[in-house]
Amino acid sequence: MSLVSVLTLMGVWLVAMASPGPDVIQIIRLGSRSTRAGLWAALGSSTGLLLWVVASLAGLSALIDSHPGILITLQLLGGTYLLWMAYSAIKSGLAQRRVPARVVQTETFQEQNPDSAPRVWITAGKAYRMGFICDLSNPKVVIFFGAVFSNFLEPGMSLGWSALLVVLLVGESLVLFGAVALTVRAFSRWMSRHSSWVDLFSGVVFLLLAGFILYEGVRGAIGVA
């Protein structure tokens, strides 16, 4: 595998990872609560990508091509989980929106300190799991590997080259996702005041993604049947 091919693959990978998707939205949502949570979510998403990359190198994409039912199952499971994430995000956003409605005094601690709205504390372990499962719930990653990634693989490619690709792609994802989590911090004050809208927006995006993935899964299941 040539250096040009490696650099081209990394460029394509960067564009694919940078485009708004479940991983980026989840990291922004958790990062709006705390940089620590955003970074742990970034690590979780990168771990999920590590599994997808290794699975693709092991022949998962080819297996899915020959057994469409596997992709359909992944789409249905992934879409269902995205629905749950949409529900959780929207529920959290609505709960935060109700807080100011209970304030009837003309001046309160909450009004004097708009950044002190109740926030749900997310542990490092929970943020990591949310990022990890979020990435695994997106079967479109498998399609990317099957349509794009496989074109860069050469027959008989050595284990060393395979390991290098894993390190480069996962490392690139970790840097990108980590940068997103850290960038959110620059807008932390604004996001703190509008955290409910961040959750609601994230929930709507998750809902749309879930609907699309479930639609593809159901359509595929009907086609197979």
C-alpha atoms as a PDB file:
ATOM      1  CA  MET A   1       0.000   0.000   0.000  1.00  0.00           C
ATOM      2  CA  SER A   2       1.524   3.319  -1.082  1.00  0.00           C
ATOM      3  CA  LEU A   3       1.908   6.461   1.011  1.00  0.00           C
ATOM      4  CA  VAL A   4      -0.392   8.323  -1.398  1.00  0.00           C
ATOM      5  CA  SER A   5      -3.139   5.747  -0.816  1.00  0.00           C
ATOM      6  CA  VAL A   6      -2.756   6.063   2.947  1.00  0.00           C
ATOM      7  CA  LEU A   7      -2.942   9.871   2.847  1.00  0.00           C
ATOM      8  CA  THR A   8      -5.950   9.760   0.514  1.00  0.00           C
ATOM      9  CA  LEU A   9      -7.739   7.334   2.809  1.00  0.00           C
ATOM     10  CA  MET A  10      -7.021   9.553   5.822  1.00  0.00           C
ATOM     11  CA  GLY A  11      -8.423  12.553   3.953  1.00  0.00           C
ATOM     12  CA  VAL A  12     -11.612  10.713   3.027  1.00  0.00           C
ATOM     13  CA  TRP A  13     -11.885   9.428   6.589  1.00  0.00           C
ATOM     14  CA  LEU A  14     -11.508  12.943   8.010  1.00  0.00           C
ATOM     15  CA  VAL A  15     -14.333  14.279   5.844  1.00  0.00           C
ATOM     16  CA  ALA A  16     -16.567  11.342   6.770  1.00  0.00           C
ATOM     17  CA  MET A  17     -15.934  11.746  10.506  1.00  0.00           C
ATOM     18  CA  ALA A  18     -16.276  15.548  10.462  1.00  0.00           C
ATOM     19  CA  SER A  19     -19.709  15.487   8.834  1.00  0.00           C
ATOM     20  CA  PRO A  20     -22.542  15.892  11.374  1.00  0.00           C
ATOM     21  CA  GLY A  21     -23.637  12.491  12.597  1.00  0.00           C
ATOM     22  CA  PRO A  22     -24.611  10.649  15.792  1.00  0.00           C
ATOM     23  CA  ASP A  23     -21.055  10.694  17.182  1.00  0.00           C
ATOM     24  CA  VAL A  24     -20.462  14.416  16.704  1.00  0.00           C
ATOM     25  CA  ILE A  25     -23.939  15.342  17.973  1.00  0.00           C
ATOM     26  CA  GLN A  26     -23.523  13.153  21.061  1.00  0.00           C
ATOM     27  CA  ILE A  27     -20.114  14.653  21.849  1.00  0.00           C
ATOM     28  CA  ILE A  28     -21.461  18.198  21.467  1.00  0.00           C
ATOM     29  CA  ARG A  29     -24.428  17.381  23.678  1.00  0.00           C
ATOM     30  CA  LEU A  30     -22.323  15.878  26.471  1.00  0.00           C
ATOM     31  CA  GLY A  31     -19.562  18.443  25.992  1.00  0.00           C
ATOM     32  CA  SER A  32     -22.088  21.203  26.616  1.00  0.00           C
ATOM     33  CA  ARG A  33     -22.492  19.776  30.121  1.00  0.00           C
ATOM     34  CA  SER A  34     -18.783  19.389  30.829  1.00  0.00           C
ATOM     35  CA  THR A  35     -15.570  19.121  28.826  1.00  0.00           C
ATOM     36  CA  ARG A  36     -14.730  15.971  30.771  1.00  0.00           C
ATOM     37  CA  ALA A  37     -17.935  14.259  29.672  1.00  0.00           C
ATOM     38  CA  GLY A  38     -17.345  15.325  26.069  1.00  0.00           C
ATOM     39  CA  LEU A  39     -13.813  13.914  26.070  1.00  0.00           C
ATOM     40  CA  TRP A  40     -14.935  10.599  27.551  1.00  0.00           C
ATOM     41  CA  ALA A  41     -17.695  10.397  24.940  1.00  0.00           C
ATOM     42  CA  ALA A  42     -15.064  11.083  22.253  1.00  0.00           C
ATOM     43  CA  LEU A  43     -12.973   8.223  23.621  1.00  0.00           C
ATOM     44  CA  GLY A  44     -16.020   5.955  23.625  1.00  0.00           C
ATOM     45  CA  SER A  45     -16.886   6.807  20.015  1.00  0.00           C
ATOM     46  CA  SER A  46     -13.282   6.200  18.974  1.00  0.00           C
ATOM     47  CA  THR A  47     -13.364   2.804  20.685  1.00  0.00           C
ATOM     48  CA  GLY A  48     -16.479   1.944  18.716  1.00  0.00           C
ATOM     49  CA  LEU A  49     -14.750   2.961  15.495  1.00  0.00           C
ATOM     50  CA  LEU A  50     -11.803   0.783  16.489  1.00  0.00           C
ATOM     51  CA  LEU A  51     -14.114  -2.228  16.538  1.00  0.00           C
ATOM     52  CA  TRP A  52     -15.648  -1.275  13.175  1.00  0.00           C
ATOM     53  CA  VAL A  53     -12.210  -0.861  11.564  1.00  0.00           C
ATOM     54  CA  VAL A  54     -10.930  -4.178  12.914  1.00  0.00           C
ATOM     55  CA  ALA A  55     -14.158  -5.938  11.923  1.00  0.00           C
ATOM     56  CA  SER A  56     -13.937  -4.522   8.399  1.00  0.00           C
ATOM     57  CA  LEU A  57     -10.332  -5.636   8.049  1.00  0.00           C
ATOM     58  CA  ALA A  58     -11.444  -9.065   9.241  1.00  0.00           C
ATOM     59  CA  GLY A  59     -13.996  -9.248   6.422  1.00  0.00           C
ATOM     60  CA  LEU A  60     -17.225  -7.980   7.993  1.00  0.00           C
ATOM     61  CA  SER A  61     -18.060  -5.802   4.975  1.00  0.00           C
ATOM     62  CA  ALA A  62     -17.734  -8.778   2.621  1.00  0.00           C
ATOM     63  CA  LEU A  63     -19.812 -10.904   4.993  1.00  0.00           C
ATOM     64  CA  ILE A  64     -22.581  -8.300   5.015  1.00  0.00           C
ATOM     65  CA  ASP A  65     -22.522  -8.114   1.214  1.00  0.00           C
ATOM     66  CA  SER A  66     -23.166 -11.855   1.037  1.00  0.00           C
ATOM     67  CA  HIS A  67     -25.654 -11.900   3.935  1.00  0.00           C
ATOM     68  CA  PRO A  68     -27.910  -8.780   3.742  1.00  0.00           C
ATOM     69  CA  GLY A  69     -29.808  -9.932   6.811  1.00  0.00           C
ATOM     70  CA  ILE A  70     -26.860  -8.924   9.003  1.00  0.00           C
ATOM     71  CA  LEU A  71     -27.062  -5.299   7.881  1.00  0.00           C
ATOM     72  CA  ILE A  72     -30.837  -5.287   8.316  1.00  0.00           C
ATOM     73  CA  THR A  73     -30.441  -6.525  11.887  1.00  0.00           C
ATOM     74  CA  LEU A  74     -27.809  -3.876  12.601  1.00  0.00           C
ATOM     75  CA  GLN A  75     -30.051  -1.171  11.143  1.00  0.00           C
ATOM     76  CA  LEU A  76     -33.049  -2.197  13.239  1.00  0.00           C
ATOM     77  CA  LEU A  77     -31.010  -2.446  16.439  1.00  0.00           C
ATOM     78  CA  GLY A  78     -29.137   0.779  15.730  1.00  0.00           C
ATOM     79  CA  GLY A  79     -32.277   2.692  14.812  1.00  0.00           C
ATOM     80  CA  THR A  80     -34.008   1.501  17.973  1.00  0.00           C
ATOM     81  CA  TYR A  81     -31.125   2.684  20.133  1.00  0.00           C
ATOM     82  CA  LEU A  82     -31.077   6.064  18.376  1.00  0.00           C
ATOM     83  CA  LEU A  83     -34.784   6.361  19.162  1.00  0.00           C
ATOM     84  CA  TRP A  84     -33.972   5.805  22.833  1.00  0.00           C
ATOM     85  CA  MET A  85     -31.256   8.478  22.662  1.00  0.00           C
ATOM     86  CA  ALA A  86     -33.736  10.862  21.033  1.00  0.00           C
ATOM     87  CA  TYR A  87     -36.238  10.204  23.818  1.00  0.00           C
ATOM     88  CA  SER A  88     -33.597  10.747  26.527  1.00  0.00           C
ATOM     89  CA  ALA A  89     -32.318  13.987  24.998  1.00  0.00           C
ATOM     90  CA  ILE A  90     -35.780  15.463  24.406  1.00  0.00           C
ATOM     91  CA  LYS A  91     -36.909  14.426  27.893  1.00  0.00           C
ATOM     92  CA  SER A  92     -33.853  16.109  29.417  1.00  0.00           C
ATOM     93  CA  GLY A  93     -34.393  19.262  27.358  1.00  0.00           C
ATOM     94  CA  LEU A  94     -38.057  19.533  28.302  1.00  0.00           C
ATOM     95  CA  ALA A  95     -37.250  18.951  31.973  1.00  0.00           C
ATOM     96  CA  GLN A  96     -34.781  21.847  31.908  1.00  0.00           C
ATOM     97  CA  ARG A  97     -37.283  24.080  30.109  1.00  0.00           C
ATOM     98  CA  ARG A  98     -39.821  23.527  32.895  1.00  0.00           C
ATOM     99  CA  VAL A  99     -37.507  24.863  35.609  1.00  0.00           C
ATOM    100  CA  PRO A 100     -37.942  28.612  34.842  1.00  0.00           C
ATOM    101  CA  ALA A 101     -41.721  28.113  34.598  1.00  0.00           C
ATOM    102  CA  ARG A 102     -41.842  27.289  38.335  1.00  0.00           C
ATOM    103  CA  VAL A 103     -40.233  30.608  39.301  1.00  0.00           C
ATOM    104  CA  VAL A 104     -42.964  33.067  40.254  1.00  0.00           C
ATOM    105  CA  GLN A 105     -40.905  35.655  42.156  1.00  0.00           C
ATOM    106  CA  THR A 106     -39.667  38.736  40.333  1.00  0.00           C
ATOM    107  CA  GLU A 107     -36.115  38.081  41.429  1.00  0.00           C
ATOM    108  CA  THR A 108     -34.578  34.725  42.294  1.00  0.00           C
ATOM    109  CA  PHE A 109     -31.189  33.117  42.563  1.00  0.00           C
ATOM    110  CA  GLN A 110     -31.864  31.444  39.242  1.00  0.00           C
ATOM    111  CA  GLU A 111     -32.503  34.766  37.516  1.00  0.00           C
ATOM    112  CA  GLN A 112     -29.398  36.313  39.026  1.00  0.00           C
ATOM    113  CA  ASN A 113     -27.323  33.318  37.964  1.00  0.00           C
ATOM    114  CA  PRO A 114     -28.565  32.080  34.579  1.00  0.00           C
ATOM    115  CA  ASP A 115     -25.673  29.639  34.406  1.00  0.00           C
ATOM    116  CA  SER A 116     -26.841  27.826  37.527  1.00  0.00           C
ATOM    117  CA  ALA A 117     -29.647  25.829  35.901  1.00  0.00           C
ATOM    118  CA  PRO A 118     -29.870  22.283  37.273  1.00  0.00           C
ATOM    119  CA  ARG A 119     -27.679  19.981  35.252  1.00  0.00           C
ATOM    120  CA  VAL A 120     -27.610  16.213  35.263  1.00  0.00           C
ATOM    121  CA  TRP A 121     -24.133  15.094  36.256  1.00  0.00           C
ATOM    122  CA  ILE A 122     -22.724  12.520  33.880  1.00  0.00           C
ATOM    123  CA  THR A 123     -19.935  10.275  35.147  1.00  0.00           C
ATOM    124  CA  ALA A 124     -16.907   9.451  33.024  1.00  0.00           C
ATOM    125  CA  GLY A 125     -18.031   5.840  32.692  1.00  0.00           C
ATOM    126  CA  LYS A 126     -21.522   6.792  31.555  1.00  0.00           C
ATOM    127  CA  ALA A 127     -20.214   9.342  29.037  1.00  0.00           C
ATOM    128  CA  TYR A 128     -17.808   6.728  27.663  1.00  0.00           C
ATOM    129  CA  ARG A 129     -20.589   4.148  27.314  1.00  0.00           C
ATOM    130  CA  MET A 130     -22.893   6.667  25.640  1.00  0.00           C
ATOM    131  CA  GLY A 131     -20.219   7.532  23.076  1.00  0.00           C
ATOM    132  CA  PHE A 132     -19.299   3.884  22.540  1.00  0.00           C
ATOM    133  CA  ILE A 133     -22.848   2.604  22.053  1.00  0.00           C
ATOM    134  CA  CYS A 134     -23.749   5.641  19.945  1.00  0.00           C
ATOM    135  CA  ASP A 135     -21.011   4.752  17.474  1.00  0.00           C
ATOM    136  CA  LEU A 136     -21.923   1.067  17.394  1.00  0.00           C
ATOM    137  CA  SER A 137     -25.569   1.978  16.767  1.00  0.00           C
ATOM    138  CA  ASN A 138     -24.719   3.594  13.435  1.00  0.00           C
ATOM    139  CA  PRO A 139     -24.603   0.804  10.804  1.00  0.00           C
ATOM    140  CA  LYS A 140     -23.836   3.399   8.127  1.00  0.00           C
ATOM    141  CA  VAL A 141     -20.241   3.081   9.285  1.00  0.00           C
ATOM    142  CA  VAL A 142     -20.240  -0.467   7.921  1.00  0.00           C
ATOM    143  CA  ILE A 143     -21.569   0.770   4.596  1.00  0.00           C
ATOM    144  CA  PHE A 144     -18.771   3.353   4.466  1.00  0.00           C
ATOM    145  CA  PHE A 145     -16.182   0.667   5.030  1.00  0.00           C
ATOM    146  CA  GLY A 146     -17.757  -1.582   2.426  1.00  0.00           C
ATOM    147  CA  ALA A 147     -18.078   1.146  -0.228  1.00  0.00           C
ATOM    148  CA  VAL A 148     -14.928   3.203   0.398  1.00  0.00           C
ATOM    149  CA  PHE A 149     -12.525   1.595   2.826  1.00  0.00           C
ATOM    150  CA  SER A 150     -12.427  -1.735   0.987  1.00  0.00           C
ATOM    151  CA  ASN A 151     -11.226   0.019  -2.187  1.00  0.00           C
ATOM    152  CA  PHE A 152      -7.991   0.976  -0.431  1.00  0.00           C
ATOM    153  CA  LEU A 153      -7.230  -2.541   0.769  1.00  0.00           C
ATOM    154  CA  GLU A 154      -4.879  -4.647  -1.293  1.00  0.00           C
ATOM    155  CA  PRO A 155      -4.994  -8.445  -1.574  1.00  0.00           C
ATOM    156  CA  GLY A 156      -2.496 -10.051   0.758  1.00  0.00           C
ATOM    157  CA  MET A 157      -1.856  -6.832   2.683  1.00  0.00           C
ATOM    158  CA  SER A 158       0.505  -7.533   5.563  1.00  0.00           C
ATOM    159  CA  LEU A 159      -0.495  -7.484   9.213  1.00  0.00           C
ATOM    160  CA  GLY A 160       1.836  -4.523   9.705  1.00  0.00           C
ATOM    161  CA  TRP A 161      -0.017  -2.387   7.167  1.00  0.00           C
ATOM    162  CA  SER A 162      -3.361  -3.418   8.664  1.00  0.00           C
ATOM    163  CA  ALA A 163      -2.190  -2.436  12.151  1.00  0.00           C
ATOM    164  CA  LEU A 164      -0.899   0.895  10.814  1.00  0.00           C
ATOM    165  CA  LEU A 165      -4.272   1.668   9.227  1.00  0.00           C
ATOM    166  CA  VAL A 166      -6.045   0.885  12.492  1.00  0.00           C
ATOM    167  CA  VAL A 167      -3.738   3.199  14.456  1.00  0.00           C
ATOM    168  CA  LEU A 168      -3.962   6.030  11.908  1.00  0.00           C
ATOM    169  CA  LEU A 169      -7.730   5.972  11.403  1.00  0.00           C
ATOM    170  CA  VAL A 170      -8.664   5.513  15.051  1.00  0.00           C
ATOM    171  CA  GLY A 171      -6.045   8.066  16.102  1.00  0.00           C
ATOM    172  CA  GLU A 172      -7.398  10.566  13.575  1.00  0.00           C
ATOM    173  CA  SER A 173     -10.930  10.018  14.876  1.00  0.00           C
ATOM    174  CA  LEU A 174      -9.824  10.464  18.486  1.00  0.00           C
ATOM    175  CA  VAL A 175      -8.074  13.750  17.653  1.00  0.00           C
ATOM    176  CA  LEU A 176     -11.091  15.035  15.713  1.00  0.00           C
ATOM    177  CA  PHE A 177     -13.667  14.023  18.324  1.00  0.00           C
ATOM    178  CA  GLY A 178     -11.451  15.340  21.106  1.00  0.00           C
ATOM    179  CA  ALA A 179     -11.142  18.658  19.274  1.00  0.00           C
ATOM    180  CA  VAL A 180     -14.935  18.858  19.035  1.00  0.00           C
ATOM    181  CA  ALA A 181     -15.248  18.238  22.784  1.00  0.00           C
ATOM    182  CA  LEU A 182     -12.646  20.904  23.575  1.00  0.00           C
ATOM    183  CA  THR A 183     -14.137  23.407  21.126  1.00  0.00           C
ATOM    184  CA  VAL A 184     -17.498  23.124  22.833  1.00  0.00           C
ATOM    185  CA  ARG A 185     -15.802  24.491  25.957  1.00  0.00           C
ATOM    186  CA  ALA A 186     -15.221  27.817  24.194  1.00  0.00           C
ATOM    187  CA  PHE A 187     -18.995  28.180  23.978  1.00  0.00           C
ATOM    188  CA  SER A 188     -19.639  26.670  27.416  1.00  0.00           C
ATOM    189  CA  ARG A 189     -21.224  29.834  28.843  1.00  0.00           C
ATOM    190  CA  TRP A 190     -23.673  30.121  25.955  1.00  0.00           C
ATOM    191  CA  MET A 191     -24.403  26.389  26.027  1.00  0.00           C
ATOM    192  CA  SER A 192     -24.891  26.492  29.780  1.00  0.00           C
ATOM    193  CA  ARG A 193     -27.633  29.069  29.326  1.00  0.00           C
ATOM    194  CA  HIS A 194     -29.160  27.163  26.411  1.00  0.00           C
ATOM    195  CA  SER A 195     -28.455  23.564  27.444  1.00  0.00           C
ATOM    196  CA  SER A 196     -32.129  22.678  27.131  1.00  0.00           C
ATOM    197  CA  TRP A 197     -32.106  23.731  23.466  1.00  0.00           C
ATOM    198  CA  VAL A 198     -28.904  21.742  22.874  1.00  0.00           C
ATOM    199  CA  ASP A 199     -30.650  18.649  24.248  1.00  0.00           C
ATOM    200  CA  LEU A 200     -33.816  19.295  22.247  1.00  0.00           C
ATOM    201  CA  PHE A 201     -31.877  19.864  19.021  1.00  0.00           C
ATOM    202  CA  SER A 202     -29.817  16.720  19.645  1.00  0.00           C
ATOM    203  CA  GLY A 203     -33.006  14.775  20.286  1.00  0.00           C
ATOM    204  CA  VAL A 204     -34.558  15.903  17.009  1.00  0.00           C
ATOM    205  CA  VAL A 205     -31.391  14.973  15.076  1.00  0.00           C
ATOM    206  CA  PHE A 206     -31.289  11.547  16.744  1.00  0.00           C
ATOM    207  CA  LEU A 207     -34.978  11.094  15.942  1.00  0.00           C
ATOM    208  CA  LEU A 208     -34.455  11.893  12.249  1.00  0.00           C
ATOM    209  CA  LEU A 209     -31.434   9.589  12.034  1.00  0.00           C
ATOM    210  CA  ALA A 210     -33.346   6.817  13.799  1.00  0.00           C
ATOM    211  CA  GLY A 211     -36.274   7.210  11.423  1.00  0.00           C
ATOM    212  CA  PHE A 212     -34.023   7.026   8.373  1.00  0.00           C
ATOM    213  CA  ILE A 213     -32.077   3.996   9.621  1.00  0.00           C
ATOM    214  CA  LEU A 214     -35.235   2.143  10.691  1.00  0.00           C
ATOM    215  CA  TYR A 215     -36.837   2.939   7.337  1.00  0.00           C
ATOM    216  CA  GLU A 216     -33.832   1.461   5.535  1.00  0.00           C
ATOM    217  CA  GLY A 217     -33.922  -1.588   7.806  1.00  0.00           C
ATOM    218  CA  VAL A 218     -37.642  -2.224   7.351  1.00  0.00           C
ATOM    219  CA  ARG A 219     -37.399  -1.685   3.595  1.00  0.00           C
ATOM    220  CA  GLY A 220     -34.492  -4.106   3.456  1.00  0.00           C
ATOM    221  CA  ALA A 221     -36.391  -6.672   5.514  1.00  0.00           C
ATOM    222  CA  ILE A 222     -39.398  -6.417   3.195  1.00  0.00           C
ATOM    223  CA  GLY A 223     -37.117  -6.778   0.177  1.00  0.00           C
ATOM    224  CA  VAL A 224     -35.433  -9.873   1.604  1.00  0.00           C
ATOM    225  CA  ALA A 225     -38.785 -11.383   2.520  1.00  0.00           C
END
